[in-house]
């Protein structure tokens, strides 16, 4: 059933999508800072088990009420958990050991919207307006400007490393997740949905966590690492995913994923504030283009098929 307040839904969806990207942008700052003291699978496992523990007390009553709805949907929920929980950020954390932070954020945020838009058109029959197409192209232009630093020679010398391919695989997983979430049964609450996929994703990661634990170097525990995992579990997992999933239902998969292009912009601002890095004219130009693309892509609400 379509909402009777489309404008209100659009504004709410945009606000929640932006909030999610602000929170998620810290993921790249943290992954850069801790990759020498913890393995990528361990970081992902601790993140999701923390998120599961945090959300469980709030979701348990919902789960008991909705378990007769959840159990028949375990296959679907398993695919959602695999792509959005077990694979996406784990691939990003693996990539962080092989590629630069710029490539890490930018390749993921530019390729995921493209993958998701194509899949939304093919599988969800979403229609692309001229505004949406133009907005996507402007967003990509803004990210390319940031990648190339405004130089054609830098852009010409750009190449994909092993880590770049890992983060692209993560972007594909997240794009599939975005499409799958659009098919979430309406009678499963958002809170219970997250609890189930967090728990299932954590279980999927557990055997690989054990392999890394016994085969790799041990985790070097410290208060900064503990704080980072808590931020990942509570912020980038529980709060950001709640915001993002609601935005997906308000805006649609194709429109929502465009906001992922804001992540490198927010990451840059956070690097200036927390790491003392300098913001340049290129950052300002790139950010302006991405924001302009998002505004243009959301100027017209595309028609959608009733689900």
C-alpha atoms as a PDB file:
ATOM      1  CA  UNK A   1       0.000   0.000   0.000  1.00  0.00           C
ATOM      2  CA  UNK A   2       1.401   3.375  -1.011  1.00  0.00           C
ATOM      3  CA  UNK A   3       1.795   6.122   1.579  1.00  0.00           C
ATOM      4  CA  UNK A   4      -0.753   8.976   1.630  1.00  0.00           C
ATOM      5  CA  UNK A   5       2.032  11.418   2.552  1.00  0.00           C
ATOM      6  CA  UNK A   6       4.645  10.997  -0.210  1.00  0.00           C
ATOM      7  CA  UNK A   7       6.419  14.299   0.488  1.00  0.00           C
ATOM      8  CA  UNK A   8       6.679  13.575   4.206  1.00  0.00           C
ATOM      9  CA  UNK A   9       7.994  10.079   3.430  1.00  0.00           C
ATOM     10  CA  UNK A  10      10.550  11.519   1.014  1.00  0.00           C
ATOM     11  CA  UNK A  11      11.861  14.076   3.514  1.00  0.00           C
ATOM     12  CA  UNK A  12      12.043  11.446   6.262  1.00  0.00           C
ATOM     13  CA  UNK A  13      13.778   8.982   3.952  1.00  0.00           C
ATOM     14  CA  UNK A  14      16.351  11.565   2.861  1.00  0.00           C
ATOM     15  CA  UNK A  15      17.045  12.629   6.470  1.00  0.00           C
ATOM     16  CA  UNK A  16      17.531   9.043   7.642  1.00  0.00           C
ATOM     17  CA  UNK A  17      19.711   8.140   4.645  1.00  0.00           C
ATOM     18  CA  UNK A  18      21.983  11.145   5.322  1.00  0.00           C
ATOM     19  CA  UNK A  19      22.208  10.280   9.029  1.00  0.00           C
ATOM     20  CA  UNK A  20      23.155   6.695   8.177  1.00  0.00           C
ATOM     21  CA  UNK A  21      25.945   7.848   5.843  1.00  0.00           C
ATOM     22  CA  UNK A  22      27.324  10.222   8.491  1.00  0.00           C
ATOM     23  CA  UNK A  23      27.552   7.341  10.958  1.00  0.00           C
ATOM     24  CA  UNK A  24      28.899   4.901   8.371  1.00  0.00           C
ATOM     25  CA  UNK A  25      31.613   7.303   7.245  1.00  0.00           C
ATOM     26  CA  UNK A  26      33.371   6.694  10.567  1.00  0.00           C
ATOM     27  CA  UNK A  27      33.729   3.043   9.576  1.00  0.00           C
ATOM     28  CA  UNK A  28      36.578   3.871   7.184  1.00  0.00           C
ATOM     29  CA  UNK A  29      38.372   6.030   9.763  1.00  0.00           C
ATOM     30  CA  UNK A  30      38.217   3.216  12.308  1.00  0.00           C
ATOM     31  CA  UNK A  31      39.171   0.448   9.891  1.00  0.00           C
ATOM     32  CA  UNK A  32      42.265   2.412   8.910  1.00  0.00           C
ATOM     33  CA  UNK A  33      43.296   2.891  12.508  1.00  0.00           C
ATOM     34  CA  UNK A  34      42.918  -0.665  13.791  1.00  0.00           C
ATOM     35  CA  UNK A  35      43.962  -2.886  10.877  1.00  0.00           C
ATOM     36  CA  UNK A  36      47.380  -3.492  12.440  1.00  0.00           C
ATOM     37  CA  UNK A  37      45.987  -4.750  15.755  1.00  0.00           C
ATOM     38  CA  UNK A  38      43.041  -6.939  14.685  1.00  0.00           C
ATOM     39  CA  UNK A  39      42.261  -9.201  11.741  1.00  0.00           C
ATOM     40  CA  UNK A  40      39.480  -8.228   9.296  1.00  0.00           C
ATOM     41  CA  UNK A  41      37.216 -11.188  10.077  1.00  0.00           C
ATOM     42  CA  UNK A  42      37.729 -10.721  13.820  1.00  0.00           C
ATOM     43  CA  UNK A  43      36.827  -7.041  13.517  1.00  0.00           C
ATOM     44  CA  UNK A  44      33.659  -7.925  11.597  1.00  0.00           C
ATOM     45  CA  UNK A  45      32.746 -10.705  14.045  1.00  0.00           C
ATOM     46  CA  UNK A  46      33.206  -8.544  17.149  1.00  0.00           C
ATOM     47  CA  UNK A  47      31.262  -5.740  15.479  1.00  0.00           C
ATOM     48  CA  UNK A  48      28.238  -7.900  14.719  1.00  0.00           C
ATOM     49  CA  UNK A  49      28.179  -9.862  17.944  1.00  0.00           C
ATOM     50  CA  UNK A  50      28.272  -6.512  19.786  1.00  0.00           C
ATOM     51  CA  UNK A  51      25.402  -5.247  17.647  1.00  0.00           C
ATOM     52  CA  UNK A  52      23.420  -8.438  18.270  1.00  0.00           C
ATOM     53  CA  UNK A  53      23.908  -8.182  22.041  1.00  0.00           C
ATOM     54  CA  UNK A  54      22.879  -4.511  22.044  1.00  0.00           C
ATOM     55  CA  UNK A  55      19.726  -5.001  19.993  1.00  0.00           C
ATOM     56  CA  UNK A  56      18.599  -8.311  21.553  1.00  0.00           C
ATOM     57  CA  UNK A  57      16.909  -6.904  24.708  1.00  0.00           C
ATOM     58  CA  UNK A  58      14.861  -4.480  22.616  1.00  0.00           C
ATOM     59  CA  UNK A  59      13.969  -6.950  19.860  1.00  0.00           C
ATOM     60  CA  UNK A  60      13.338 -10.135  21.850  1.00  0.00           C
ATOM     61  CA  UNK A  61       9.656  -9.463  22.564  1.00  0.00           C
ATOM     62  CA  UNK A  62       9.100  -8.623  18.907  1.00  0.00           C
ATOM     63  CA  UNK A  63      10.909 -11.809  17.895  1.00  0.00           C
ATOM     64  CA  UNK A  64       8.702 -13.997  20.112  1.00  0.00           C
ATOM     65  CA  UNK A  65       5.563 -12.399  18.665  1.00  0.00           C
ATOM     66  CA  UNK A  66       6.783 -12.575  15.052  1.00  0.00           C
ATOM     67  CA  UNK A  67       8.681 -15.882  15.092  1.00  0.00           C
ATOM     68  CA  UNK A  68       5.888 -17.667  13.213  1.00  0.00           C
ATOM     69  CA  UNK A  69       6.412 -15.108  10.441  1.00  0.00           C
ATOM     70  CA  UNK A  70      10.208 -15.175  10.641  1.00  0.00           C
ATOM     71  CA  UNK A  71      10.749 -18.951  10.517  1.00  0.00           C
ATOM     72  CA  UNK A  72       9.198 -19.501   7.055  1.00  0.00           C
ATOM     73  CA  UNK A  73      11.354 -16.641   5.757  1.00  0.00           C
ATOM     74  CA  UNK A  74      14.701 -17.964   7.025  1.00  0.00           C
ATOM     75  CA  UNK A  75      16.034 -18.633   3.511  1.00  0.00           C
ATOM     76  CA  UNK A  76      15.347 -15.049   2.463  1.00  0.00           C
ATOM     77  CA  UNK A  77      16.715 -13.668   5.739  1.00  0.00           C
ATOM     78  CA  UNK A  78      19.800 -15.825   5.312  1.00  0.00           C
ATOM     79  CA  UNK A  79      20.589 -14.199   1.976  1.00  0.00           C
ATOM     80  CA  UNK A  80      20.071 -10.748   3.495  1.00  0.00           C
ATOM     81  CA  UNK A  81      22.382 -11.622   6.395  1.00  0.00           C
ATOM     82  CA  UNK A  82      25.006 -13.093   4.061  1.00  0.00           C
ATOM     83  CA  UNK A  83      25.223 -10.074   1.765  1.00  0.00           C
ATOM     84  CA  UNK A  84      24.655  -7.183   4.168  1.00  0.00           C
ATOM     85  CA  UNK A  85      26.221  -8.551   7.368  1.00  0.00           C
ATOM     86  CA  UNK A  86      28.668 -11.391   6.740  1.00  0.00           C
ATOM     87  CA  UNK A  87      30.200 -10.250   3.432  1.00  0.00           C
ATOM     88  CA  UNK A  88      29.908  -6.489   2.941  1.00  0.00           C
ATOM     89  CA  UNK A  89      32.013  -5.006   5.746  1.00  0.00           C
ATOM     90  CA  UNK A  90      34.245  -8.063   6.040  1.00  0.00           C
ATOM     91  CA  UNK A  91      35.330  -7.513   2.436  1.00  0.00           C
ATOM     92  CA  UNK A  92      35.891  -3.815   3.207  1.00  0.00           C
ATOM     93  CA  UNK A  93      38.054  -4.715   6.225  1.00  0.00           C
ATOM     94  CA  UNK A  94      40.052  -7.188   4.118  1.00  0.00           C
ATOM     95  CA  UNK A  95      40.496  -4.520   1.436  1.00  0.00           C
ATOM     96  CA  UNK A  96      41.882  -2.131   4.035  1.00  0.00           C
ATOM     97  CA  UNK A  97      45.007  -4.286   4.240  1.00  0.00           C
ATOM     98  CA  UNK A  98      45.759  -3.928   0.524  1.00  0.00           C
ATOM     99  CA  UNK A  99      44.521  -0.566  -0.761  1.00  0.00           C
ATOM    100  CA  UNK A 100      44.506   3.093   0.223  1.00  0.00           C
ATOM    101  CA  UNK A 101      41.751   4.659   2.316  1.00  0.00           C
ATOM    102  CA  UNK A 102      40.688   6.834  -0.645  1.00  0.00           C
ATOM    103  CA  UNK A 103      40.199   3.800  -2.883  1.00  0.00           C
ATOM    104  CA  UNK A 104      38.485   1.997  -0.022  1.00  0.00           C
ATOM    105  CA  UNK A 105      35.789   4.641   0.396  1.00  0.00           C
ATOM    106  CA  UNK A 106      35.443   5.853  -3.169  1.00  0.00           C
ATOM    107  CA  UNK A 107      35.354   2.600  -5.124  1.00  0.00           C
ATOM    108  CA  UNK A 108      32.774   1.162  -2.767  1.00  0.00           C
ATOM    109  CA  UNK A 109      30.554   4.224  -2.761  1.00  0.00           C
ATOM    110  CA  UNK A 110      30.607   4.747  -6.523  1.00  0.00           C
ATOM    111  CA  UNK A 111      30.191   1.141  -7.650  1.00  0.00           C
ATOM    112  CA  UNK A 112      27.490   0.108  -5.152  1.00  0.00           C
ATOM    113  CA  UNK A 113      24.881   2.672  -6.357  1.00  0.00           C
ATOM    114  CA  UNK A 114      25.537   1.682  -9.959  1.00  0.00           C
ATOM    115  CA  UNK A 115      25.161  -2.029  -9.170  1.00  0.00           C
ATOM    116  CA  UNK A 116      22.021  -1.386  -7.095  1.00  0.00           C
ATOM    117  CA  UNK A 117      20.416   0.891  -9.696  1.00  0.00           C
ATOM    118  CA  UNK A 118      20.928  -1.682 -12.455  1.00  0.00           C
ATOM    119  CA  UNK A 119      19.520  -4.464 -10.282  1.00  0.00           C
ATOM    120  CA  UNK A 120      16.579  -2.295  -9.148  1.00  0.00           C
ATOM    121  CA  UNK A 121      15.658  -1.696 -12.792  1.00  0.00           C
ATOM    122  CA  UNK A 122      16.015  -5.384 -13.713  1.00  0.00           C
ATOM    123  CA  UNK A 123      14.523  -7.117 -10.677  1.00  0.00           C
ATOM    124  CA  UNK A 124      12.257  -4.506  -9.042  1.00  0.00           C
ATOM    125  CA  UNK A 125      11.097  -2.891 -12.288  1.00  0.00           C
ATOM    126  CA  UNK A 126      11.964   0.574 -10.968  1.00  0.00           C
ATOM    127  CA  UNK A 127      11.936   3.235 -13.667  1.00  0.00           C
ATOM    128  CA  UNK A 128      14.794   5.666 -14.245  1.00  0.00           C
ATOM    129  CA  UNK A 129      13.773   9.244 -14.905  1.00  0.00           C
ATOM    130  CA  UNK A 130      16.006  11.691 -16.733  1.00  0.00           C
ATOM    131  CA  UNK A 131      16.571  13.414 -13.378  1.00  0.00           C
ATOM    132  CA  UNK A 132      17.764  10.163 -11.776  1.00  0.00           C
ATOM    133  CA  UNK A 133      20.137   9.369 -14.655  1.00  0.00           C
ATOM    134  CA  UNK A 134      21.562  12.885 -14.642  1.00  0.00           C
ATOM    135  CA  UNK A 135      21.929  12.810 -10.857  1.00  0.00           C
ATOM    136  CA  UNK A 136      23.814   9.510 -10.991  1.00  0.00           C
ATOM    137  CA  UNK A 137      26.192  10.836 -13.646  1.00  0.00           C
ATOM    138  CA  UNK A 138      26.882  14.027 -11.650  1.00  0.00           C
ATOM    139  CA  UNK A 139      27.518  11.992  -8.472  1.00  0.00           C
ATOM    140  CA  UNK A 140      29.991   9.796 -10.338  1.00  0.00           C
ATOM    141  CA  UNK A 141      31.651  12.880 -11.825  1.00  0.00           C
ATOM    142  CA  UNK A 142      32.128  14.311  -8.335  1.00  0.00           C
ATOM    143  CA  UNK A 143      33.746  11.107  -7.080  1.00  0.00           C
ATOM    144  CA  UNK A 144      35.982  10.893 -10.179  1.00  0.00           C
ATOM    145  CA  UNK A 145      37.132  14.467  -9.517  1.00  0.00           C
ATOM    146  CA  UNK A 146      38.067  13.417  -5.981  1.00  0.00           C
ATOM    147  CA  UNK A 147      39.840  10.252  -7.168  1.00  0.00           C
ATOM    148  CA  UNK A 148      41.827  12.143  -9.800  1.00  0.00           C
ATOM    149  CA  UNK A 149      42.388  15.243  -7.642  1.00  0.00           C
ATOM    150  CA  UNK A 150      41.303  17.203 -10.710  1.00  0.00           C
ATOM    151  CA  UNK A 151      44.165  15.851 -12.788  1.00  0.00           C
ATOM    152  CA  UNK A 152      43.760  13.803 -15.959  1.00  0.00           C
ATOM    153  CA  UNK A 153      47.254  12.343 -15.522  1.00  0.00           C
ATOM    154  CA  UNK A 154      46.363  11.047 -12.044  1.00  0.00           C
ATOM    155  CA  UNK A 155      43.130   9.581 -13.406  1.00  0.00           C
ATOM    156  CA  UNK A 156      44.983   7.966 -16.316  1.00  0.00           C
ATOM    157  CA  UNK A 157      47.445   6.290 -13.928  1.00  0.00           C
ATOM    158  CA  UNK A 158      44.701   4.966 -11.649  1.00  0.00           C
ATOM    159  CA  UNK A 159      44.552   1.156 -11.458  1.00  0.00           C
ATOM    160  CA  UNK A 160      42.694  -1.448  -9.442  1.00  0.00           C
ATOM    161  CA  UNK A 161      44.763  -3.278  -6.836  1.00  0.00           C
ATOM    162  CA  UNK A 162      43.951  -6.505  -5.006  1.00  0.00           C
ATOM    163  CA  UNK A 163      42.301  -4.430  -2.297  1.00  0.00           C
ATOM    164  CA  UNK A 164      40.268  -2.467  -4.831  1.00  0.00           C
ATOM    165  CA  UNK A 165      38.782  -5.725  -6.095  1.00  0.00           C
ATOM    166  CA  UNK A 166      37.924  -6.776  -2.532  1.00  0.00           C
ATOM    167  CA  UNK A 167      36.091  -3.511  -1.859  1.00  0.00           C
ATOM    168  CA  UNK A 168      34.282  -3.796  -5.195  1.00  0.00           C
ATOM    169  CA  UNK A 169      33.119  -7.266  -4.162  1.00  0.00           C
ATOM    170  CA  UNK A 170      31.875  -5.691  -0.931  1.00  0.00           C
ATOM    171  CA  UNK A 171      30.039  -3.018  -2.927  1.00  0.00           C
ATOM    172  CA  UNK A 172      28.316  -5.705  -4.978  1.00  0.00           C
ATOM    173  CA  UNK A 173      27.277  -7.513  -1.784  1.00  0.00           C
ATOM    174  CA  UNK A 174      25.842  -4.287  -0.366  1.00  0.00           C
ATOM    175  CA  UNK A 175      23.993  -3.561  -3.603  1.00  0.00           C
ATOM    176  CA  UNK A 176      22.361  -7.004  -3.441  1.00  0.00           C
ATOM    177  CA  UNK A 177      21.498  -6.347   0.210  1.00  0.00           C
ATOM    178  CA  UNK A 178      19.763  -3.096  -0.757  1.00  0.00           C
ATOM    179  CA  UNK A 179      17.652  -4.908  -3.334  1.00  0.00           C
ATOM    180  CA  UNK A 180      16.750  -7.739  -0.950  1.00  0.00           C
ATOM    181  CA  UNK A 181      15.705  -5.357   1.825  1.00  0.00           C
ATOM    182  CA  UNK A 182      13.081  -3.872  -0.501  1.00  0.00           C
ATOM    183  CA  UNK A 183      11.379  -7.292  -0.396  1.00  0.00           C
ATOM    184  CA  UNK A 184      11.243  -7.425   3.406  1.00  0.00           C
ATOM    185  CA  UNK A 185       7.881  -8.780   4.593  1.00  0.00           C
ATOM    186  CA  UNK A 186       5.880  -5.838   5.944  1.00  0.00           C
ATOM    187  CA  UNK A 187       4.730  -7.836   8.976  1.00  0.00           C
ATOM    188  CA  UNK A 188       8.296  -8.247  10.246  1.00  0.00           C
ATOM    189  CA  UNK A 189       9.200  -5.159  12.283  1.00  0.00           C
ATOM    190  CA  UNK A 190      12.351  -3.213  11.435  1.00  0.00           C
ATOM    191  CA  UNK A 191      13.857  -3.945  14.853  1.00  0.00           C
ATOM    192  CA  UNK A 192      13.214  -7.676  14.688  1.00  0.00           C
ATOM    193  CA  UNK A 193      14.452  -7.793  11.097  1.00  0.00           C
ATOM    194  CA  UNK A 194      17.800  -6.327  12.154  1.00  0.00           C
ATOM    195  CA  UNK A 195      18.064  -8.615  15.170  1.00  0.00           C
ATOM    196  CA  UNK A 196      17.564 -11.716  13.035  1.00  0.00           C
ATOM    197  CA  UNK A 197      19.996 -10.740  10.260  1.00  0.00           C
ATOM    198  CA  UNK A 198      22.604  -9.530  12.779  1.00  0.00           C
ATOM    199  CA  UNK A 199      22.415 -12.858  14.634  1.00  0.00           C
ATOM    200  CA  UNK A 200      22.482 -14.920  11.434  1.00  0.00           C
ATOM    201  CA  UNK A 201      25.392 -12.911  10.004  1.00  0.00           C
ATOM    202  CA  UNK A 202      27.356 -13.336  13.237  1.00  0.00           C
ATOM    203  CA  UNK A 203      26.799 -17.096  13.125  1.00  0.00           C
ATOM    204  CA  UNK A 204      27.969 -17.174   9.495  1.00  0.00           C
ATOM    205  CA  UNK A 205      31.170 -15.316  10.439  1.00  0.00           C
ATOM    206  CA  UNK A 206      31.955 -17.477  13.480  1.00  0.00           C
ATOM    207  CA  UNK A 207      33.774 -20.395  11.756  1.00  0.00           C
ATOM    208  CA  UNK A 208      35.903 -17.967   9.719  1.00  0.00           C
ATOM    209  CA  UNK A 209      36.629 -16.002  12.901  1.00  0.00           C
ATOM    210  CA  UNK A 210      37.939 -19.216  14.498  1.00  0.00           C
ATOM    211  CA  UNK A 211      40.120 -19.922  11.456  1.00  0.00           C
ATOM    212  CA  UNK A 212      41.606 -16.425  11.579  1.00  0.00           C
ATOM    213  CA  UNK A 213      42.004 -16.639  15.361  1.00  0.00           C
ATOM    214  CA  UNK A 214      44.099 -19.790  15.224  1.00  0.00           C
ATOM    215  CA  UNK A 215      45.901 -19.139  11.932  1.00  0.00           C
ATOM    216  CA  UNK A 216      46.583 -15.412  12.177  1.00  0.00           C
ATOM    217  CA  UNK A 217      48.080 -13.053  14.703  1.00  0.00           C
ATOM    218  CA  UNK A 218      46.142 -12.528  17.950  1.00  0.00           C
ATOM    219  CA  UNK A 219      44.111  -9.395  18.547  1.00  0.00           C
ATOM    220  CA  UNK A 220      45.998  -6.695  20.466  1.00  0.00           C
ATOM    221  CA  UNK A 221      43.308  -5.509  22.857  1.00  0.00           C
ATOM    222  CA  UNK A 222      43.274  -1.938  24.147  1.00  0.00           C
ATOM    223  CA  UNK A 223      40.712   0.641  25.244  1.00  0.00           C
ATOM    224  CA  UNK A 224      40.830   2.447  21.864  1.00  0.00           C
ATOM    225  CA  UNK A 225      40.141  -0.851  20.065  1.00  0.00           C
ATOM    226  CA  UNK A 226      37.331  -1.701  22.493  1.00  0.00           C
ATOM    227  CA  UNK A 227      35.811   1.762  21.951  1.00  0.00           C
ATOM    228  CA  UNK A 228      36.107   1.375  18.182  1.00  0.00           C
ATOM    229  CA  UNK A 229      34.270  -1.961  18.249  1.00  0.00           C
ATOM    230  CA  UNK A 230      31.559  -0.468  20.467  1.00  0.00           C
ATOM    231  CA  UNK A 231      31.109   2.380  17.967  1.00  0.00           C
ATOM    232  CA  UNK A 232      30.918  -0.098  15.097  1.00  0.00           C
ATOM    233  CA  UNK A 233      28.441  -2.303  16.953  1.00  0.00           C
ATOM    234  CA  UNK A 234      26.121   0.391  18.325  1.00  0.00           C
ATOM    235  CA  UNK A 235      26.500   3.160  15.756  1.00  0.00           C
ATOM    236  CA  UNK A 236      27.411   1.815  12.343  1.00  0.00           C
ATOM    237  CA  UNK A 237      25.405  -1.366  12.892  1.00  0.00           C
ATOM    238  CA  UNK A 238      22.280  -0.832  14.995  1.00  0.00           C
ATOM    239  CA  UNK A 239      21.519   2.878  14.516  1.00  0.00           C
ATOM    240  CA  UNK A 240      22.767   3.297  10.936  1.00  0.00           C
ATOM    241  CA  UNK A 241      21.106   0.121   9.647  1.00  0.00           C
ATOM    242  CA  UNK A 242      17.781   1.078  11.237  1.00  0.00           C
ATOM    243  CA  UNK A 243      17.955   4.480   9.525  1.00  0.00           C
ATOM    244  CA  UNK A 244      19.051   2.978   6.208  1.00  0.00           C
ATOM    245  CA  UNK A 245      16.412   0.252   6.080  1.00  0.00           C
ATOM    246  CA  UNK A 246      13.611   2.737   6.779  1.00  0.00           C
ATOM    247  CA  UNK A 247      15.025   5.035   4.067  1.00  0.00           C
ATOM    248  CA  UNK A 248      14.998   2.114   1.611  1.00  0.00           C
ATOM    249  CA  UNK A 249      11.259   1.708   2.149  1.00  0.00           C
ATOM    250  CA  UNK A 250      10.550   5.435   1.960  1.00  0.00           C
ATOM    251  CA  UNK A 251      12.648   6.202  -1.125  1.00  0.00           C
ATOM    252  CA  UNK A 252      13.250   2.880  -2.896  1.00  0.00           C
ATOM    253  CA  UNK A 253      16.532   1.068  -3.424  1.00  0.00           C
ATOM    254  CA  UNK A 254      17.670   2.984  -6.492  1.00  0.00           C
ATOM    255  CA  UNK A 255      17.272   6.412  -4.845  1.00  0.00           C
ATOM    256  CA  UNK A 256      18.538   5.506  -1.373  1.00  0.00           C
ATOM    257  CA  UNK A 257      21.843   4.004  -2.480  1.00  0.00           C
ATOM    258  CA  UNK A 258      22.758   7.304  -4.139  1.00  0.00           C
ATOM    259  CA  UNK A 259      23.255   8.750  -0.669  1.00  0.00           C
ATOM    260  CA  UNK A 260      26.163   6.368  -0.200  1.00  0.00           C
ATOM    261  CA  UNK A 261      28.117   8.863  -2.306  1.00  0.00           C
ATOM    262  CA  UNK A 262      28.077  11.177   0.716  1.00  0.00           C
ATOM    263  CA  UNK A 263      30.227   8.756   2.737  1.00  0.00           C
ATOM    264  CA  UNK A 264      33.612   9.858   1.299  1.00  0.00           C
ATOM    265  CA  UNK A 265      32.576  13.476   1.719  1.00  0.00           C
ATOM    266  CA  UNK A 266      31.753  12.968   5.395  1.00  0.00           C
ATOM    267  CA  UNK A 267      34.882  10.824   5.799  1.00  0.00           C
ATOM    268  CA  UNK A 268      36.963  13.727   4.505  1.00  0.00           C
ATOM    269  CA  UNK A 269      35.360  16.137   6.990  1.00  0.00           C
ATOM    270  CA  UNK A 270      35.931  13.679   9.832  1.00  0.00           C
ATOM    271  CA  UNK A 271      39.563  13.293   8.792  1.00  0.00           C
ATOM    272  CA  UNK A 272      39.944  17.078   9.008  1.00  0.00           C
ATOM    273  CA  UNK A 273      38.342  17.205  12.478  1.00  0.00           C
ATOM    274  CA  UNK A 274      39.805  14.081  14.064  1.00  0.00           C
ATOM    275  CA  UNK A 275      43.034  13.472  12.144  1.00  0.00           C
ATOM    276  CA  UNK A 276      44.056  17.058  11.386  1.00  0.00           C
ATOM    277  CA  UNK A 277      44.119  16.517   7.629  1.00  0.00           C
ATOM    278  CA  UNK A 278      43.742  19.492   5.291  1.00  0.00           C
ATOM    279  CA  UNK A 279      40.648  20.029   3.172  1.00  0.00           C
ATOM    280  CA  UNK A 280      41.389  21.202  -0.380  1.00  0.00           C
ATOM    281  CA  UNK A 281      39.549  22.932  -3.214  1.00  0.00           C
ATOM    282  CA  UNK A 282      39.170  19.532  -4.896  1.00  0.00           C
ATOM    283  CA  UNK A 283      37.300  18.244  -1.850  1.00  0.00           C
ATOM    284  CA  UNK A 284      34.927  21.200  -2.011  1.00  0.00           C
ATOM    285  CA  UNK A 285      34.309  20.805  -5.762  1.00  0.00           C
ATOM    286  CA  UNK A 286      33.770  17.061  -5.419  1.00  0.00           C
ATOM    287  CA  UNK A 287      31.407  17.469  -2.472  1.00  0.00           C
ATOM    288  CA  UNK A 288      29.397  20.110  -4.300  1.00  0.00           C
ATOM    289  CA  UNK A 289      28.994  17.857  -7.342  1.00  0.00           C
ATOM    290  CA  UNK A 290      27.897  14.866  -5.252  1.00  0.00           C
ATOM    291  CA  UNK A 291      25.342  16.915  -3.330  1.00  0.00           C
ATOM    292  CA  UNK A 292      24.047  18.498  -6.568  1.00  0.00           C
ATOM    293  CA  UNK A 293      23.675  15.023  -8.082  1.00  0.00           C
ATOM    294  CA  UNK A 294      21.716  13.803  -5.073  1.00  0.00           C
ATOM    295  CA  UNK A 295      19.380  16.794  -5.199  1.00  0.00           C
ATOM    296  CA  UNK A 296      18.789  16.306  -8.924  1.00  0.00           C
ATOM    297  CA  UNK A 297      18.241  12.545  -8.593  1.00  0.00           C
ATOM    298  CA  UNK A 298      15.597  13.167  -5.933  1.00  0.00           C
ATOM    299  CA  UNK A 299      13.813  16.000  -7.749  1.00  0.00           C
ATOM    300  CA  UNK A 300      11.207  13.655  -9.229  1.00  0.00           C
ATOM    301  CA  UNK A 301       9.771  10.671  -7.410  1.00  0.00           C
ATOM    302  CA  UNK A 302       9.918   7.782  -9.847  1.00  0.00           C
ATOM    303  CA  UNK A 303       6.874   5.590 -10.208  1.00  0.00           C
ATOM    304  CA  UNK A 304       7.042   2.234  -8.522  1.00  0.00           C
ATOM    305  CA  UNK A 305       5.074  -0.968  -8.859  1.00  0.00           C
ATOM    306  CA  UNK A 306       2.960  -1.842  -5.863  1.00  0.00           C
ATOM    307  CA  UNK A 307       4.390  -4.646  -3.808  1.00  0.00           C
END
